[in-house]
Amino acid sequence: MDNDKILAEIYTDIKWIKDEIKELKEDTKQQLKEHDERIAKLEEFKYKIMGALIVIYFVVSGILVYLR
């Protein structure tokens, strides 16, 4: 009888561990998805900044050429 209780406890613990692992996998997937979204937004922002800097460069260059 004690063996059956012990086996039942072990089975319950294993099931709990499997559930925890499953939850951790889901959480990790969600965190990776959020991280990828943030990276995509930063990449988009980077290209906007680079474009603005190029426009500023050409405007300033044009003004300097005009002033010569």
Foldseek 3Di string as FASTA:
>chain_A
DVVVVVVVVVVVVVVVVVVVVVVVVVVVVVVVVVVVVVVVVVVVVVVVVVVVVVVVVVVVVVVVVVVD
